[in-house]
C-alpha atoms as a PDB file:
ATOM      1  CA  MET A   1      12.075  34.823  13.033  1.00  0.00           C
ATOM      2  CA  ASN A   2      15.335  34.403  11.750  1.00  0.00           C
ATOM      3  CA  ARG A   3      14.975  33.041   8.310  1.00  0.00           C
ATOM      4  CA  PRO A   4      18.461  30.967   7.616  1.00  0.00           C
ATOM      5  CA  ALA A   5      18.153  29.310  10.674  1.00  0.00           C
ATOM      6  CA  THR A   6      14.063  27.905  10.394  1.00  0.00           C
ATOM      7  CA  MET A   7      15.407  27.326   6.724  1.00  0.00           C
ATOM      8  CA  ARG A   8      18.144  24.797   8.724  1.00  0.00           C
ATOM      9  CA  GLN A   9      15.797  23.273  10.948  1.00  0.00           C
ATOM     10  CA  LEU A  10      13.809  22.620   7.875  1.00  0.00           C
ATOM     11  CA  HIS A  11      16.576  20.831   6.104  1.00  0.00           C
ATOM     12  CA  ALA A  12      17.631  19.365   9.270  1.00  0.00           C
ATOM     13  CA  ALA A  13      14.022  17.928   9.835  1.00  0.00           C
ATOM     14  CA  LEU A  14      14.049  16.522   6.058  1.00  0.00           C
ATOM     15  CA  ALA A  15      17.013  14.815   6.531  1.00  0.00           C
ATOM     16  CA  HIS A  16      16.717  13.309   9.623  1.00  0.00           C
ATOM     17  CA  ARG A  17      13.380  11.860   8.482  1.00  0.00           C
ATOM     18  CA  GLY A  18      14.828  10.593   4.826  1.00  0.00           C
ATOM     19  CA  LEU A  19      13.090  12.689   2.959  1.00  0.00           C
ATOM     20  CA  MET A  20      15.546  14.932   0.979  1.00  0.00           C
ATOM     21  CA  ASP A  21      14.746  13.474  -2.607  1.00  0.00           C
ATOM     22  CA  ASP A  22      11.257  14.120  -1.558  1.00  0.00           C
ATOM     23  CA  LYS A  23      11.663  17.796  -0.545  1.00  0.00           C
ATOM     24  CA  LYS A  24      10.170  19.343  -3.590  1.00  0.00           C
ATOM     25  CA  ALA A  25       6.812  17.146  -3.761  1.00  0.00           C
ATOM     26  CA  ILE A  26       6.849  17.864   0.435  1.00  0.00           C
ATOM     27  CA  ILE A  27       6.506  21.870  -0.555  1.00  0.00           C
ATOM     28  CA  ALA A  28       4.293  21.661  -3.555  1.00  0.00           C
ATOM     29  CA  GLN A  29       1.617  19.614  -1.443  1.00  0.00           C
ATOM     30  CA  PHE A  30       1.881  21.764   1.302  1.00  0.00           C
ATOM     31  CA  THR A  31       1.582  24.912  -0.638  1.00  0.00           C
ATOM     32  CA  ASN A  32      -1.192  23.478  -2.830  1.00  0.00           C
ATOM     33  CA  ASP A  33       1.397  23.410  -5.903  1.00  0.00           C
ATOM     34  CA  ARG A  34       2.041  27.559  -5.068  1.00  0.00           C
ATOM     35  CA  THR A  35       5.872  26.448  -5.403  1.00  0.00           C
ATOM     36  CA  GLU A  36       8.405  23.388  -4.951  1.00  0.00           C
ATOM     37  CA  SER A  37      11.387  25.549  -3.294  1.00  0.00           C
ATOM     38  CA  ALA A  38      12.135  26.114  -0.064  1.00  0.00           C
ATOM     39  CA  SER A  39      13.094  29.812  -0.620  1.00  0.00           C
ATOM     40  CA  GLU A  40      10.016  30.756  -2.233  1.00  0.00           C
ATOM     41  CA  LEU A  41       8.306  29.955   0.929  1.00  0.00           C
ATOM     42  CA  THR A  42       6.761  32.497   2.794  1.00  0.00           C
ATOM     43  CA  ASP A  43       8.010  33.192   6.582  1.00  0.00           C
ATOM     44  CA  ARG A  44       4.491  32.208   7.378  1.00  0.00           C
ATOM     45  CA  GLU A  45       5.042  28.990   5.962  1.00  0.00           C
ATOM     46  CA  LEU A  46       8.108  28.237   6.582  1.00  0.00           C
ATOM     47  CA  THR A  47       7.521  28.038  10.095  1.00  0.00           C
ATOM     48  CA  GLU A  48       4.320  25.740   9.752  1.00  0.00           C
ATOM     49  CA  LEU A  49       6.108  23.452   7.518  1.00  0.00           C
ATOM     50  CA  VAL A  50       8.709  23.344  10.150  1.00  0.00           C
ATOM     51  CA  HIS A  51       6.497  23.601  13.378  1.00  0.00           C
ATOM     52  CA  GLN A  52       4.745  20.352  11.376  1.00  0.00           C
ATOM     53  CA  MET A  53       7.814  18.563  10.279  1.00  0.00           C
ATOM     54  CA  ASN A  54       8.839  18.369  14.189  1.00  0.00           C
ATOM     55  CA  ALA A  55       5.379  17.684  15.530  1.00  0.00           C
ATOM     56  CA  THR A  56       4.852  14.993  13.751  1.00  0.00           C
ATOM     57  CA  PRO A  57       6.991  11.426  14.666  1.00  0.00           C
ATOM     58  CA  THR A  58       5.616  10.138  11.276  1.00  0.00           C
ATOM     59  CA  ILE A  59       6.277  11.372   7.959  1.00  0.00           C
ATOM     60  CA  ILE A  60       3.779  14.045   6.755  1.00  0.00           C
ATOM     61  CA  CYS A  61       3.468  13.057   3.221  1.00  0.00           C
ATOM     62  CA  THR A  62       5.857  11.375   0.493  1.00  0.00           C
ATOM     63  CA  THR A  63       5.577  10.845  -3.332  1.00  0.00           C
ATOM     64  CA  LYS A  64       3.193   8.350  -4.516  1.00  0.00           C
ATOM     65  CA  LYS A  65       5.451   5.807  -5.822  1.00  0.00           C
ATOM     66  CA  LYS A  66       4.599   4.528  -9.412  1.00  0.00           C
ATOM     67  CA  PRO A  67       3.095   0.666  -9.256  1.00  0.00           C
ATOM     68  CA  THR A  68       5.908  -1.252 -10.784  1.00  0.00           C
ATOM     69  CA  HIS A  69       5.231  -3.896 -13.465  1.00  0.00           C
ATOM     70  CA  GLU A  70       5.523  -6.651 -10.835  1.00  0.00           C
ATOM     71  CA  ASP A  71       3.045  -4.749  -8.255  1.00  0.00           C
ATOM     72  CA  ARG A  72       0.577  -4.439 -11.094  1.00  0.00           C
ATOM     73  CA  GLN A  73       1.032  -8.438 -11.371  1.00  0.00           C
ATOM     74  CA  ARG A  74       0.809  -9.457  -8.054  1.00  0.00           C
ATOM     75  CA  GLU A  75      -2.507  -7.155  -7.471  1.00  0.00           C
ATOM     76  CA  ARG A  76      -3.935  -8.633 -10.309  1.00  0.00           C
ATOM     77  CA  MET A  77      -3.177 -12.132  -8.935  1.00  0.00           C
ATOM     78  CA  ILE A  78      -4.701 -11.467  -5.839  1.00  0.00           C
ATOM     79  CA  ARG A  79      -7.579 -10.256  -6.956  1.00  0.00           C
ATOM     80  CA  SER A  80      -7.735 -13.449  -9.102  1.00  0.00           C
ATOM     81  CA  LEU A  81      -7.350 -14.996  -6.063  1.00  0.00           C
ATOM     82  CA  TYR A  82     -10.464 -13.201  -4.361  1.00  0.00           C
ATOM     83  CA  GLY A  83     -12.585 -13.919  -7.293  1.00  0.00           C
ATOM     84  CA  HIS A  84     -12.175 -17.654  -7.238  1.00  0.00           C
ATOM     85  CA  ALA A  85     -12.595 -17.595  -3.358  1.00  0.00           C
ATOM     86  CA  ARG A  86     -16.065 -15.531  -4.222  1.00  0.00           C
ATOM     87  CA  GLN A  87     -16.651 -18.661  -6.995  1.00  0.00           C
ATOM     88  CA  LEU A  88     -15.796 -20.882  -3.345  1.00  0.00           C
ATOM     89  CA  GLY A  89     -18.635 -19.555  -1.352  1.00  0.00           C
ATOM     90  CA  TRP A  90     -15.756 -18.396   1.013  1.00  0.00           C
ATOM     91  CA  PHE A  91     -17.883 -14.944   2.661  1.00  0.00           C
ATOM     92  CA  ALA A  92     -17.854 -13.741   6.063  1.00  0.00           C
ATOM     93  CA  PRO A  93     -19.558 -10.899   7.145  1.00  0.00           C
ATOM     94  CA  ASP A  94     -18.026  -7.647   6.958  1.00  0.00           C
ATOM     95  CA  SER A  95     -18.794  -4.732  10.114  1.00  0.00           C
ATOM     96  CA  LYS A  96     -20.889  -2.593   7.747  1.00  0.00           C
ATOM     97  CA  GLY A  97     -23.764  -5.638   7.830  1.00  0.00           C
ATOM     98  CA  GLY A  98     -22.857  -6.685   4.629  1.00  0.00           C
ATOM     99  CA  VAL A  99     -20.484  -9.745   3.513  1.00  0.00           C
ATOM    100  CA  LYS A 100     -17.019 -10.049   2.038  1.00  0.00           C
ATOM    101  CA  VAL A 101     -14.428 -12.479   0.711  1.00  0.00           C
ATOM    102  CA  ASP A 102     -13.416 -14.775   3.961  1.00  0.00           C
ATOM    103  CA  ALA A 103      -9.961 -13.610   4.069  1.00  0.00           C
ATOM    104  CA  VAL A 104      -8.485 -15.793   6.988  1.00  0.00           C
ATOM    105  CA  ARG A 105      -9.751 -18.872   4.902  1.00  0.00           C
ATOM    106  CA  LEU A 106      -8.255 -17.879   1.900  1.00  0.00           C
ATOM    107  CA  ASN A 107      -5.123 -17.794   3.593  1.00  0.00           C
ATOM    108  CA  SER A 108      -5.593 -20.789   5.445  1.00  0.00           C
ATOM    109  CA  TRP A 109      -6.606 -22.537   1.832  1.00  0.00           C
ATOM    110  CA  CYS A 110      -3.237 -21.092   0.525  1.00  0.00           C
ATOM    111  CA  GLU A 111      -0.852 -22.273   3.290  1.00  0.00           C
ATOM    112  CA  LYS A 112      -2.467 -26.281   3.035  1.00  0.00           C
ATOM    113  CA  HIS A 113      -2.621 -26.074  -0.462  1.00  0.00           C
ATOM    114  CA  THR A 114      -0.008 -24.023  -2.322  1.00  0.00           C
ATOM    115  CA  PRO A 115       3.703 -24.817  -3.074  1.00  0.00           C
ATOM    116  CA  ALA A 116       4.438 -21.552  -0.718  1.00  0.00           C
ATOM    117  CA  HIS A 117       2.369 -22.853   2.164  1.00  0.00           C
ATOM    118  CA  LEU A 118       1.990 -19.060   2.618  1.00  0.00           C
ATOM    119  CA  PRO A 119      -0.636 -16.703   2.908  1.00  0.00           C
ATOM    120  CA  PHE A 120      -1.085 -15.125   0.057  1.00  0.00           C
ATOM    121  CA  LYS A 121       0.287 -11.592   1.212  1.00  0.00           C
ATOM    122  CA  LYS A 122       3.580 -12.966   2.080  1.00  0.00           C
ATOM    123  CA  MET A 123       4.191 -14.589  -1.569  1.00  0.00           C
ATOM    124  CA  ASN A 124       5.911 -12.985  -4.073  1.00  0.00           C
ATOM    125  CA  VAL A 125       4.783 -12.938  -8.020  1.00  0.00           C
ATOM    126  CA  GLU A 126       6.092 -16.453  -8.541  1.00  0.00           C
ATOM    127  CA  GLU A 127       4.142 -18.231  -5.791  1.00  0.00           C
ATOM    128  CA  LEU A 128       1.163 -16.023  -6.671  1.00  0.00           C
ATOM    129  CA  ALA A 129       0.932 -16.992  -9.948  1.00  0.00           C
ATOM    130  CA  ALA A 130       1.098 -20.762  -8.528  1.00  0.00           C
ATOM    131  CA  ALA A 131      -1.693 -19.971  -6.093  1.00  0.00           C
ATOM    132  CA  VAL A 132      -3.746 -18.669  -8.581  1.00  0.00           C
ATOM    133  CA  THR A 133      -3.289 -22.381 -10.817  1.00  0.00           C
ATOM    134  CA  CYS A 134      -3.920 -24.380  -7.616  1.00  0.00           C
ATOM    135  CA  ILE A 135      -7.242 -22.316  -6.319  1.00  0.00           C
ATOM    136  CA  LYS A 136      -8.595 -22.574 -10.172  1.00  0.00           C
ATOM    137  CA  ASN A 137      -7.748 -26.805 -10.168  1.00  0.00           C
ATOM    138  CA  TYR A 138      -9.558 -26.733  -6.930  1.00  0.00           C
ATOM    139  CA  VAL A 139     -12.370 -24.637  -8.285  1.00  0.00           C
ATOM    140  CA  LYS A 140     -12.900 -27.117 -10.955  1.00  0.00           C
ATOM    141  CA  THR A 141     -12.852 -30.201  -8.767  1.00  0.00           C
ATOM    142  CA  ASP A 142     -15.293 -28.475  -6.618  1.00  0.00           C
ATOM    143  CA  THR A 143     -17.701 -27.262  -9.323  1.00  0.00           C
ATOM    144  CA  ASN A 144     -17.422 -31.147 -10.518  1.00  0.00           C
ATOM    145  CA  ARG A 145     -18.162 -32.242  -7.205  1.00  0.00           C
ATOM    146  CA  LEU A 146     -21.256 -30.239  -7.260  1.00  0.00           C
ATOM    147  CA  ALA A 147     -22.281 -31.333 -11.044  1.00  0.00           C
ATOM    148  CA  ARG A 148     -22.424 -34.775 -10.028  1.00  0.00           C
END
């Protein structure tokens, strides 16, 4: 094995995929946290990593992006939408024979009754906040209708 040439192949494969910033994390994952340095890879590890990088058209690993405050807000609001859909009884069968929230019905409702007129997965945080307010009001009116 020509180690310098194989090292260049590794760097070229990482650069081609835009993963140079993640190089340490990729090497650490590949070596089970033994090392983060390409120079500390054994010849066998280096050859195998280059082979995997070249054989795999997709990314073999990336560092997990820490969720931002906006990501957490968005997830919380989507969970709220699902919770209100459960209150309304919007269920559909799942593949395991059980039931789950009917996301198609929830999307359809969001497209018709929210200011954004978008499926909830395509809404930004502000639009989701408005959608949560709309569905809360809808649950209230639906509950009042059932109480009469």
